[in-house]
Amino acid sequence: MFYVHYGDMDPDKLQAQTHIPVVALKYGEKCAFSEDVYKSLQIVVRIIGRIIGKEKRVQEVVDYLKRCEQDLNNRTKNISEDKKPKVYVCGIGFYGILSL
């Protein structure tokens, strides 16, 4: 079982309760499109890739995220900050429940 670790959940306790091997992972302190997250993701996906035998595929996912960020930056590079629309992104936990 893969477990993305945040909060106070104890992966050892989860493994003891389920009797299933648990791999606890953490991908960084920020959201997508953060260099810290990319670095963490590369480590995390390599671990997952090794375990499930999909090293190449997981690297493709990280590369895809980088291309998405680059595409968004290219589309908005000529828009001044005060002219960019404000958006609310929901459905992303960022280490637990957040409220406005």
PDB file of N, CA and C in Angstrom:
ATOM      1  N   MET A   1       0.846  -1.162   0.000  1.00  0.00           N
ATOM      2  CA  MET A   1       0.000   0.000   0.000  1.00  0.00           C
ATOM      3  C   MET A   1       0.896   1.231   0.000  1.00  0.00           C
ATOM      4  N   PHE A   2       0.578   2.180  -0.868  1.00  0.00           N
ATOM      5  CA  PHE A   2       1.275   3.460  -0.873  1.00  0.00           C
ATOM      6  C   PHE A   2       0.466   4.444  -0.057  1.00  0.00           C
ATOM      7  N   TYR A   3       1.137   5.191   0.741  1.00  0.00           N
ATOM      8  CA  TYR A   3       0.478   6.110   1.656  1.00  0.00           C
ATOM      9  C   TYR A   3       1.193   7.444   1.571  1.00  0.00           C
ATOM     10  N   VAL A   4       0.491   8.509   1.169  1.00  0.00           N
ATOM     11  CA  VAL A   4       1.074   9.848   1.148  1.00  0.00           C
ATOM     12  C   VAL A   4       0.906  10.417   2.543  1.00  0.00           C
ATOM     13  N   HIS A   5       2.039  10.662   3.162  1.00  0.00           N
ATOM     14  CA  HIS A   5       2.071  10.999   4.584  1.00  0.00           C
ATOM     15  C   HIS A   5       1.867  12.492   4.816  1.00  0.00           C
ATOM     16  N   TYR A   6       0.857  12.826   5.582  1.00  0.00           N
ATOM     17  CA  TYR A   6       0.680  14.159   6.125  1.00  0.00           C
ATOM     18  C   TYR A   6      -0.165  14.030   7.374  1.00  0.00           C
ATOM     19  N   GLY A   7      -0.124  15.036   8.187  1.00  0.00           N
ATOM     20  CA  GLY A   7      -0.906  14.982   9.414  1.00  0.00           C
ATOM     21  C   GLY A   7      -0.275  14.066  10.438  1.00  0.00           C
ATOM     22  N   ASP A   8      -1.119  13.482  11.282  1.00  0.00           N
ATOM     23  CA  ASP A   8      -0.602  12.685  12.383  1.00  0.00           C
ATOM     24  C   ASP A   8      -0.815  11.184  12.205  1.00  0.00           C
ATOM     25  N   MET A   9      -1.177  10.744  11.013  1.00  0.00           N
ATOM     26  CA  MET A   9      -1.362   9.309  10.759  1.00  0.00           C
ATOM     27  C   MET A   9      -0.009   8.608  10.840  1.00  0.00           C
ATOM     28  N   ASP A  10       0.028   7.490  11.515  1.00  0.00           N
ATOM     29  CA  ASP A  10       1.258   6.731  11.701  1.00  0.00           C
ATOM     30  C   ASP A  10       1.282   5.566  10.709  1.00  0.00           C
ATOM     31  N   PRO A  11       2.187   5.592   9.708  1.00  0.00           N
ATOM     32  CA  PRO A  11       2.228   4.512   8.732  1.00  0.00           C
ATOM     33  C   PRO A  11       2.526   3.146   9.350  1.00  0.00           C
ATOM     34  N   ASP A  12       3.325   3.104  10.415  1.00  0.00           N
ATOM     35  CA  ASP A  12       3.599   1.821  11.077  1.00  0.00           C
ATOM     36  C   ASP A  12       2.333   1.243  11.699  1.00  0.00           C
ATOM     37  N   LYS A  13       1.533   2.124  12.282  1.00  0.00           N
ATOM     38  CA  LYS A  13       0.268   1.681  12.872  1.00  0.00           C
ATOM     39  C   LYS A  13      -0.679   1.180  11.776  1.00  0.00           C
ATOM     40  N   LEU A  14      -0.722   1.894  10.650  1.00  0.00           N
ATOM     41  CA  LEU A  14      -1.554   1.476   9.520  1.00  0.00           C
ATOM     42  C   LEU A  14      -1.138   0.088   9.030  1.00  0.00           C
ATOM     43  N   GLN A  15       0.162  -0.131   8.925  1.00  0.00           N
ATOM     44  CA  GLN A  15       0.661  -1.438   8.492  1.00  0.00           C
ATOM     45  C   GLN A  15       0.300  -2.521   9.498  1.00  0.00           C
ATOM     46  N   ALA A  16       0.421  -2.214  10.780  1.00  0.00           N
ATOM     47  CA  ALA A  16       0.076  -3.197  11.808  1.00  0.00           C
ATOM     48  C   ALA A  16      -1.416  -3.533  11.783  1.00  0.00           C
ATOM     49  N   GLN A  17      -2.247  -2.532  11.518  1.00  0.00           N
ATOM     50  CA  GLN A  17      -3.686  -2.756  11.495  1.00  0.00           C
ATOM     51  C   GLN A  17      -4.146  -3.521  10.257  1.00  0.00           C
ATOM     52  N   THR A  18      -3.504  -3.249   9.120  1.00  0.00           N
ATOM     53  CA  THR A  18      -3.964  -3.849   7.859  1.00  0.00           C
ATOM     54  C   THR A  18      -3.214  -5.119   7.489  1.00  0.00           C
ATOM     55  N   HIS A  19      -2.051  -5.332   8.099  1.00  0.00           N
ATOM     56  CA  HIS A  19      -1.188  -6.469   7.759  1.00  0.00           C
ATOM     57  C   HIS A  19      -0.785  -6.426   6.280  1.00  0.00           C
ATOM     58  N   ILE A  20      -0.664  -5.205   5.753  1.00  0.00           N
ATOM     59  CA  ILE A  20      -0.234  -4.981   4.369  1.00  0.00           C
ATOM     60  C   ILE A  20       1.001  -4.092   4.428  1.00  0.00           C
ATOM     61  N   PRO A  21       2.067  -4.426   3.669  1.00  0.00           N
ATOM     62  CA  PRO A  21       3.238  -3.540   3.655  1.00  0.00           C
ATOM     63  C   PRO A  21       2.851  -2.120   3.222  1.00  0.00           C
ATOM     64  N   VAL A  22       3.295  -1.132   3.976  1.00  0.00           N
ATOM     65  CA  VAL A  22       2.973   0.265   3.698  1.00  0.00           C
ATOM     66  C   VAL A  22       4.251   1.005   3.337  1.00  0.00           C
ATOM     67  N   VAL A  23       4.214   1.751   2.250  1.00  0.00           N
ATOM     68  CA  VAL A  23       5.307   2.631   1.861  1.00  0.00           C
ATOM     69  C   VAL A  23       4.803   4.055   2.058  1.00  0.00           C
ATOM     70  N   ALA A  24       5.347   4.769   3.055  1.00  0.00           N
ATOM     71  CA  ALA A  24       4.922   6.128   3.355  1.00  0.00           C
ATOM     72  C   ALA A  24       5.743   7.101   2.524  1.00  0.00           C
ATOM     73  N   LEU A  25       5.056   7.985   1.817  1.00  0.00           N
ATOM     74  CA  LEU A  25       5.701   8.942   0.926  1.00  0.00           C
ATOM     75  C   LEU A  25       5.252  10.352   1.265  1.00  0.00           C
ATOM     76  N   LYS A  26       6.102  11.316   0.972  1.00  0.00           N
ATOM     77  CA  LYS A  26       5.751  12.722   1.123  1.00  0.00           C
ATOM     78  C   LYS A  26       6.385  13.444  -0.052  1.00  0.00           C
ATOM     79  N   TYR A  27       5.607  14.264  -0.748  1.00  0.00           N
ATOM     80  CA  TYR A  27       6.126  14.855  -1.978  1.00  0.00           C
ATOM     81  C   TYR A  27       6.486  16.320  -1.879  1.00  0.00           C
ATOM     82  N   GLY A  28       6.474  16.899  -0.719  1.00  0.00           N
ATOM     83  CA  GLY A  28       6.889  18.288  -0.589  1.00  0.00           C
ATOM     84  C   GLY A  28       5.911  19.099   0.228  1.00  0.00           C
ATOM     85  N   GLU A  29       6.267  20.342   0.452  1.00  0.00           N
ATOM     86  CA  GLU A  29       5.455  21.217   1.294  1.00  0.00           C
ATOM     87  C   GLU A  29       4.503  22.097   0.497  1.00  0.00           C
ATOM     88  N   LYS A  30       4.659  22.161  -0.808  1.00  0.00           N
ATOM     89  CA  LYS A  30       3.857  23.081  -1.613  1.00  0.00           C
ATOM     90  C   LYS A  30       3.022  22.316  -2.624  1.00  0.00           C
ATOM     91  N   CYS A  31       2.326  23.078  -3.442  1.00  0.00           N
ATOM     92  CA  CYS A  31       1.455  22.473  -4.450  1.00  0.00           C
ATOM     93  C   CYS A  31       2.224  22.218  -5.744  1.00  0.00           C
ATOM     94  N   ALA A  32       1.510  21.738  -6.761  1.00  0.00           N
ATOM     95  CA  ALA A  32       2.116  21.471  -8.067  1.00  0.00           C
ATOM     96  C   ALA A  32       2.762  22.742  -8.606  1.00  0.00           C
ATOM     97  N   PHE A  33       3.698  22.582  -9.524  1.00  0.00           N
ATOM     98  CA  PHE A  33       4.433  23.676 -10.158  1.00  0.00           C
ATOM     99  C   PHE A  33       5.380  24.371  -9.181  1.00  0.00           C
ATOM    100  N   SER A  34       5.879  23.650  -8.234  1.00  0.00           N
ATOM    101  CA  SER A  34       6.897  24.147  -7.324  1.00  0.00           C
ATOM    102  C   SER A  34       8.148  23.310  -7.553  1.00  0.00           C
ATOM    103  N   GLU A  35       9.290  23.951  -7.652  1.00  0.00           N
ATOM    104  CA  GLU A  35      10.528  23.201  -7.891  1.00  0.00           C
ATOM    105  C   GLU A  35      10.784  22.192  -6.775  1.00  0.00           C
ATOM    106  N   ASP A  36      10.422  22.553  -5.524  1.00  0.00           N
ATOM    107  CA  ASP A  36      10.569  21.611  -4.414  1.00  0.00           C
ATOM    108  C   ASP A  36       9.719  20.364  -4.639  1.00  0.00           C
ATOM    109  N   VAL A  37       8.508  20.574  -5.148  1.00  0.00           N
ATOM    110  CA  VAL A  37       7.624  19.440  -5.405  1.00  0.00           C
ATOM    111  C   VAL A  37       8.178  18.586  -6.538  1.00  0.00           C
ATOM    112  N   TYR A  38       8.696  19.215  -7.604  1.00  0.00           N
ATOM    113  CA  TYR A  38       9.292  18.443  -8.696  1.00  0.00           C
ATOM    114  C   TYR A  38      10.428  17.571  -8.191  1.00  0.00           C
ATOM    115  N   LYS A  39      11.298  18.149  -7.373  1.00  0.00           N
ATOM    116  CA  LYS A  39      12.422  17.377  -6.835  1.00  0.00           C
ATOM    117  C   LYS A  39      11.921  16.218  -5.986  1.00  0.00           C
ATOM    118  N   SER A  40      10.954  16.504  -5.106  1.00  0.00           N
ATOM    119  CA  SER A  40      10.395  15.455  -4.260  1.00  0.00           C
ATOM    120  C   SER A  40       9.691  14.397  -5.088  1.00  0.00           C
ATOM    121  N   LEU A  41       8.915  14.848  -6.089  1.00  0.00           N
ATOM    122  CA  LEU A  41       8.199  13.902  -6.943  1.00  0.00           C
ATOM    123  C   LEU A  41       9.161  12.970  -7.658  1.00  0.00           C
ATOM    124  N   GLN A  42      10.286  13.494  -8.110  1.00  0.00           N
ATOM    125  CA  GLN A  42      11.234  12.639  -8.807  1.00  0.00           C
ATOM    126  C   GLN A  42      11.750  11.544  -7.889  1.00  0.00           C
ATOM    127  N   ILE A  43      11.963  11.865  -6.628  1.00  0.00           N
ATOM    128  CA  ILE A  43      12.396  10.849  -5.670  1.00  0.00           C
ATOM    129  C   ILE A  43      11.264   9.868  -5.409  1.00  0.00           C
ATOM    130  N   VAL A  44      10.066  10.408  -5.136  1.00  0.00           N
ATOM    131  CA  VAL A  44       8.909   9.569  -4.817  1.00  0.00           C
ATOM    132  C   VAL A  44       8.568   8.657  -5.981  1.00  0.00           C
ATOM    133  N   VAL A  45       8.525   9.212  -7.202  1.00  0.00           N
ATOM    134  CA  VAL A  45       8.128   8.372  -8.335  1.00  0.00           C
ATOM    135  C   VAL A  45       9.192   7.330  -8.653  1.00  0.00           C
ATOM    136  N   ARG A  46      10.425   7.639  -8.384  1.00  0.00           N
ATOM    137  CA  ARG A  46      11.459   6.616  -8.589  1.00  0.00           C
ATOM    138  C   ARG A  46      11.263   5.461  -7.608  1.00  0.00           C
ATOM    139  N   ILE A  47      10.903   5.788  -6.380  1.00  0.00           N
ATOM    140  CA  ILE A  47      10.633   4.735  -5.392  1.00  0.00           C
ATOM    141  C   ILE A  47       9.442   3.897  -5.845  1.00  0.00           C
ATOM    142  N   ILE A  48       8.350   4.584  -6.193  1.00  0.00           N
ATOM    143  CA  ILE A  48       7.159   3.867  -6.660  1.00  0.00           C
ATOM    144  C   ILE A  48       7.482   3.082  -7.923  1.00  0.00           C
ATOM    145  N   GLY A  49       8.166   3.715  -8.853  1.00  0.00           N
ATOM    146  CA  GLY A  49       8.523   3.047 -10.097  1.00  0.00           C
ATOM    147  C   GLY A  49       9.325   1.789  -9.882  1.00  0.00           C
ATOM    148  N   ARG A  50      10.282   1.847  -8.957  1.00  0.00           N
ATOM    149  CA  ARG A  50      11.083   0.666  -8.649  1.00  0.00           C
ATOM    150  C   ARG A  50      10.216  -0.448  -8.069  1.00  0.00           C
ATOM    151  N   ILE A  51       9.303  -0.060  -7.177  1.00  0.00           N
ATOM    152  CA  ILE A  51       8.463  -1.062  -6.517  1.00  0.00           C
ATOM    153  C   ILE A  51       7.523  -1.741  -7.503  1.00  0.00           C
ATOM    154  N   ILE A  52       6.943  -0.955  -8.418  1.00  0.00           N
ATOM    155  CA  ILE A  52       5.960  -1.535  -9.346  1.00  0.00           C
ATOM    156  C   ILE A  52       6.533  -1.812 -10.731  1.00  0.00           C
ATOM    157  N   GLY A  53       7.820  -1.525 -10.923  1.00  0.00           N
ATOM    158  CA  GLY A  53       8.463  -1.817 -12.203  1.00  0.00           C
ATOM    159  C   GLY A  53       8.063  -0.880 -13.327  1.00  0.00           C
ATOM    160  N   LYS A  54       7.800   0.393 -13.011  1.00  0.00           N
ATOM    161  CA  LYS A  54       7.358   1.369 -14.011  1.00  0.00           C
ATOM    162  C   LYS A  54       8.190   2.653 -13.944  1.00  0.00           C
ATOM    163  N   GLU A  55       9.492   2.535 -13.823  1.00  0.00           N
ATOM    164  CA  GLU A  55      10.355   3.711 -13.689  1.00  0.00           C
ATOM    165  C   GLU A  55      10.159   4.707 -14.823  1.00  0.00           C
ATOM    166  N   LYS A  56      10.099   4.206 -16.049  1.00  0.00           N
ATOM    167  CA  LYS A  56       9.976   5.093 -17.207  1.00  0.00           C
ATOM    168  C   LYS A  56       8.658   5.862 -17.176  1.00  0.00           C
ATOM    169  N   ARG A  57       7.574   5.188 -16.868  1.00  0.00           N
ATOM    170  CA  ARG A  57       6.248   5.825 -16.869  1.00  0.00           C
ATOM    171  C   ARG A  57       6.139   6.919 -15.815  1.00  0.00           C
ATOM    172  N   VAL A  58       6.650   6.673 -14.625  1.00  0.00           N
ATOM    173  CA  VAL A  58       6.530   7.685 -13.589  1.00  0.00           C
ATOM    174  C   VAL A  58       7.358   8.924 -13.926  1.00  0.00           C
ATOM    175  N   GLN A  59       8.470   8.747 -14.597  1.00  0.00           N
ATOM    176  CA  GLN A  59       9.253   9.907 -15.028  1.00  0.00           C
ATOM    177  C   GLN A  59       8.491  10.684 -16.097  1.00  0.00           C
ATOM    178  N   GLU A  60       7.762   9.987 -16.946  1.00  0.00           N
ATOM    179  CA  GLU A  60       6.935  10.654 -17.952  1.00  0.00           C
ATOM    180  C   GLU A  60       5.881  11.544 -17.297  1.00  0.00           C
ATOM    181  N   VAL A  61       5.357  11.132 -16.149  1.00  0.00           N
ATOM    182  CA  VAL A  61       4.358  11.935 -15.437  1.00  0.00           C
ATOM    183  C   VAL A  61       4.983  13.235 -14.940  1.00  0.00           C
ATOM    184  N   VAL A  62       6.161  13.166 -14.351  1.00  0.00           N
ATOM    185  CA  VAL A  62       6.848  14.367 -13.878  1.00  0.00           C
ATOM    186  C   VAL A  62       7.155  15.290 -15.050  1.00  0.00           C
ATOM    187  N   ASP A  63       7.633  14.739 -16.146  1.00  0.00           N
ATOM    188  CA  ASP A  63       7.927  15.547 -17.336  1.00  0.00           C
ATOM    189  C   ASP A  63       6.664  16.216 -17.871  1.00  0.00           C
ATOM    190  N   TYR A  64       5.535  15.507 -17.822  1.00  0.00           N
ATOM    191  CA  TYR A  64       4.263  16.061 -18.274  1.00  0.00           C
ATOM    192  C   TYR A  64       3.872  17.276 -17.420  1.00  0.00           C
ATOM    193  N   LEU A  65       4.028  17.172 -16.096  1.00  0.00           N
ATOM    194  CA  LEU A  65       3.706  18.301 -15.224  1.00  0.00           C
ATOM    195  C   LEU A  65       4.557  19.516 -15.563  1.00  0.00           C
ATOM    196  N   LYS A  66       5.829  19.293 -15.838  1.00  0.00           N
ATOM    197  CA  LYS A  66       6.707  20.404 -16.207  1.00  0.00           C
ATOM    198  C   LYS A  66       6.253  21.050 -17.515  1.00  0.00           C
ATOM    199  N   ARG A  67       5.834  20.220 -18.474  1.00  0.00           N
ATOM    200  CA  ARG A  67       5.347  20.770 -19.749  1.00  0.00           C
ATOM    201  C   ARG A  67       4.057  21.575 -19.547  1.00  0.00           C
ATOM    202  N   CYS A  68       3.190  21.112 -18.658  1.00  0.00           N
ATOM    203  CA  CYS A  68       1.956  21.851 -18.358  1.00  0.00           C
ATOM    204  C   CYS A  68       2.279  23.221 -17.776  1.00  0.00           C
ATOM    205  N   GLU A  69       3.198  23.250 -16.841  1.00  0.00           N
ATOM    206  CA  GLU A  69       3.584  24.536 -16.248  1.00  0.00           C
ATOM    207  C   GLU A  69       4.165  25.464 -17.308  1.00  0.00           C
ATOM    208  N   GLN A  70       5.047  24.943 -18.139  1.00  0.00           N
ATOM    209  CA  GLN A  70       5.655  25.757 -19.184  1.00  0.00           C
ATOM    210  C   GLN A  70       4.593  26.296 -20.146  1.00  0.00           C
ATOM    211  N   ASP A  71       3.625  25.453 -20.505  1.00  0.00           N
ATOM    212  CA  ASP A  71       2.545  25.873 -21.385  1.00  0.00           C
ATOM    213  C   ASP A  71       1.737  27.014 -20.757  1.00  0.00           C
ATOM    214  N   LEU A  72       1.380  26.861 -19.477  1.00  0.00           N
ATOM    215  CA  LEU A  72       0.631  27.921 -18.800  1.00  0.00           C
ATOM    216  C   LEU A  72       1.433  29.214 -18.715  1.00  0.00           C
ATOM    217  N   ASN A  73       2.707  29.103 -18.418  1.00  0.00           N
ATOM    218  CA  ASN A  73       3.556  30.297 -18.356  1.00  0.00           C
ATOM    219  C   ASN A  73       3.651  30.980 -19.717  1.00  0.00           C
ATOM    220  N   ASN A  74       3.795  30.187 -20.784  1.00  0.00           N
ATOM    221  CA  ASN A  74       3.861  30.762 -22.125  1.00  0.00           C
ATOM    222  C   ASN A  74       2.566  31.462 -22.519  1.00  0.00           C
ATOM    223  N   ARG A  75       1.434  30.889 -22.156  1.00  0.00           N
ATOM    224  CA  ARG A  75       0.132  31.470 -22.508  1.00  0.00           C
ATOM    225  C   ARG A  75      -0.141  32.773 -21.762  1.00  0.00           C
ATOM    226  N   THR A  76       0.449  32.930 -20.597  1.00  0.00           N
ATOM    227  CA  THR A  76       0.141  34.102 -19.769  1.00  0.00           C
ATOM    228  C   THR A  76       1.302  35.080 -19.627  1.00  0.00           C
ATOM    229  N   LYS A  77       2.412  34.848 -20.293  1.00  0.00           N
ATOM    230  CA  LYS A  77       3.604  35.671 -20.071  1.00  0.00           C
ATOM    231  C   LYS A  77       3.406  37.134 -20.459  1.00  0.00           C
ATOM    232  N   ASN A  78       2.506  37.428 -21.386  1.00  0.00           N
ATOM    233  CA  ASN A  78       2.295  38.809 -21.822  1.00  0.00           C
ATOM    234  C   ASN A  78       1.113  39.479 -21.134  1.00  0.00           C
ATOM    235  N   ILE A  79       0.579  38.851 -20.115  1.00  0.00           N
ATOM    236  CA  ILE A  79      -0.528  39.419 -19.357  1.00  0.00           C
ATOM    237  C   ILE A  79       0.024  39.951 -18.043  1.00  0.00           C
ATOM    238  N   SER A  80      -0.209  41.215 -17.766  1.00  0.00           N
ATOM    239  CA  SER A  80       0.284  41.780 -16.508  1.00  0.00           C
ATOM    240  C   SER A  80      -0.460  41.140 -15.341  1.00  0.00           C
ATOM    241  N   GLU A  81       0.185  41.132 -14.193  1.00  0.00           N
ATOM    242  CA  GLU A  81      -0.389  40.475 -13.009  1.00  0.00           C
ATOM    243  C   GLU A  81      -1.773  41.032 -12.672  1.00  0.00           C
ATOM    244  N   ASP A  82      -1.956  42.345 -12.814  1.00  0.00           N
ATOM    245  CA  ASP A  82      -3.248  42.938 -12.461  1.00  0.00           C
ATOM    246  C   ASP A  82      -4.348  42.599 -13.464  1.00  0.00           C
ATOM    247  N   LYS A  83      -3.997  42.099 -14.633  1.00  0.00           N
ATOM    248  CA  LYS A  83      -4.979  41.725 -15.662  1.00  0.00           C
ATOM    249  C   LYS A  83      -5.285  40.221 -15.667  1.00  0.00           C
ATOM    250  N   LYS A  84      -4.496  39.453 -14.961  1.00  0.00           N
ATOM    251  CA  LYS A  84      -4.736  38.008 -14.928  1.00  0.00           C
ATOM    252  C   LYS A  84      -5.976  37.719 -14.086  1.00  0.00           C
ATOM    253  N   PRO A  85      -6.846  36.846 -14.582  1.00  0.00           N
ATOM    254  CA  PRO A  85      -8.044  36.531 -13.799  1.00  0.00           C
ATOM    255  C   PRO A  85      -7.676  35.763 -12.530  1.00  0.00           C
ATOM    256  N   LYS A  86      -8.457  35.972 -11.517  1.00  0.00           N
ATOM    257  CA  LYS A  86      -8.276  35.243 -10.259  1.00  0.00           C
ATOM    258  C   LYS A  86      -9.147  33.997 -10.329  1.00  0.00           C
ATOM    259  N   VAL A  87      -8.613  32.875  -9.868  1.00  0.00           N
ATOM    260  CA  VAL A  87      -9.356  31.624  -9.902  1.00  0.00           C
ATOM    261  C   VAL A  87      -9.255  30.935  -8.559  1.00  0.00           C
ATOM    262  N   TYR A  88     -10.224  30.095  -8.298  1.00  0.00           N
ATOM    263  CA  TYR A  88     -10.215  29.258  -7.105  1.00  0.00           C
ATOM    264  C   TYR A  88     -10.116  27.817  -7.560  1.00  0.00           C
ATOM    265  N   VAL A  89      -9.089  27.121  -7.123  1.00  0.00           N
ATOM    266  CA  VAL A  89      -8.903  25.724  -7.475  1.00  0.00           C
ATOM    267  C   VAL A  89      -9.350  24.892  -6.278  1.00  0.00           C
ATOM    268  N   CYS A  90     -10.290  23.988  -6.520  1.00  0.00           N
ATOM    269  CA  CYS A  90     -10.759  23.151  -5.421  1.00  0.00           C
ATOM    270  C   CYS A  90     -10.429  21.699  -5.718  1.00  0.00           C
ATOM    271  N   GLY A  91     -10.529  20.891  -4.718  1.00  0.00           N
ATOM    272  CA  GLY A  91     -10.283  19.460  -4.901  1.00  0.00           C
ATOM    273  C   GLY A  91      -8.834  19.075  -4.661  1.00  0.00           C
ATOM    274  N   ILE A  92      -8.032  20.015  -4.187  1.00  0.00           N
ATOM    275  CA  ILE A  92      -6.632  19.714  -3.893  1.00  0.00           C
ATOM    276  C   ILE A  92      -6.464  19.880  -2.386  1.00  0.00           C
ATOM    277  N   GLY A  93      -6.030  18.830  -1.707  1.00  0.00           N
ATOM    278  CA  GLY A  93      -5.968  18.842  -0.260  1.00  0.00           C
ATOM    279  C   GLY A  93      -4.803  19.575   0.349  1.00  0.00           C
ATOM    280  N   PHE A  94      -3.654  19.591  -0.304  1.00  0.00           N
ATOM    281  CA  PHE A  94      -2.445  20.189   0.261  1.00  0.00           C
ATOM    282  C   PHE A  94      -2.244  19.805   1.728  1.00  0.00           C
ATOM    283  N   TYR A  95      -2.157  18.528   1.983  1.00  0.00           N
ATOM    284  CA  TYR A  95      -1.904  18.016   3.333  1.00  0.00           C
ATOM    285  C   TYR A  95      -3.075  18.235   4.263  1.00  0.00           C
ATOM    286  N   GLY A  96      -4.242  17.954   3.822  1.00  0.00           N
ATOM    287  CA  GLY A  96      -5.391  17.995   4.707  1.00  0.00           C
ATOM    288  C   GLY A  96      -6.443  18.981   4.245  1.00  0.00           C
ATOM    289  N   ILE A  97      -7.444  19.140   5.064  1.00  0.00           N
ATOM    290  CA  ILE A  97      -8.582  19.980   4.729  1.00  0.00           C
ATOM    291  C   ILE A  97      -8.236  21.434   4.984  1.00  0.00           C
ATOM    292  N   LEU A  98      -8.568  22.285   4.025  1.00  0.00           N
ATOM    293  CA  LEU A  98      -8.371  23.726   4.155  1.00  0.00           C
ATOM    294  C   LEU A  98      -9.705  24.407   3.932  1.00  0.00           C
ATOM    295  N   SER A  99      -9.858  25.591   4.456  1.00  0.00           N
ATOM    296  CA  SER A  99     -11.056  26.373   4.176  1.00  0.00           C
ATOM    297  C   SER A  99     -10.641  27.784   3.840  1.00  0.00           C
ATOM    298  N   LEU A 100     -11.550  28.507   3.212  1.00  0.00           N
ATOM    299  CA  LEU A 100     -11.279  29.901   2.818  1.00  0.00           C
ATOM    300  C   LEU A 100     -11.402  30.829   4.001  1.00  0.00           C
TER     301      LEU A 100
END
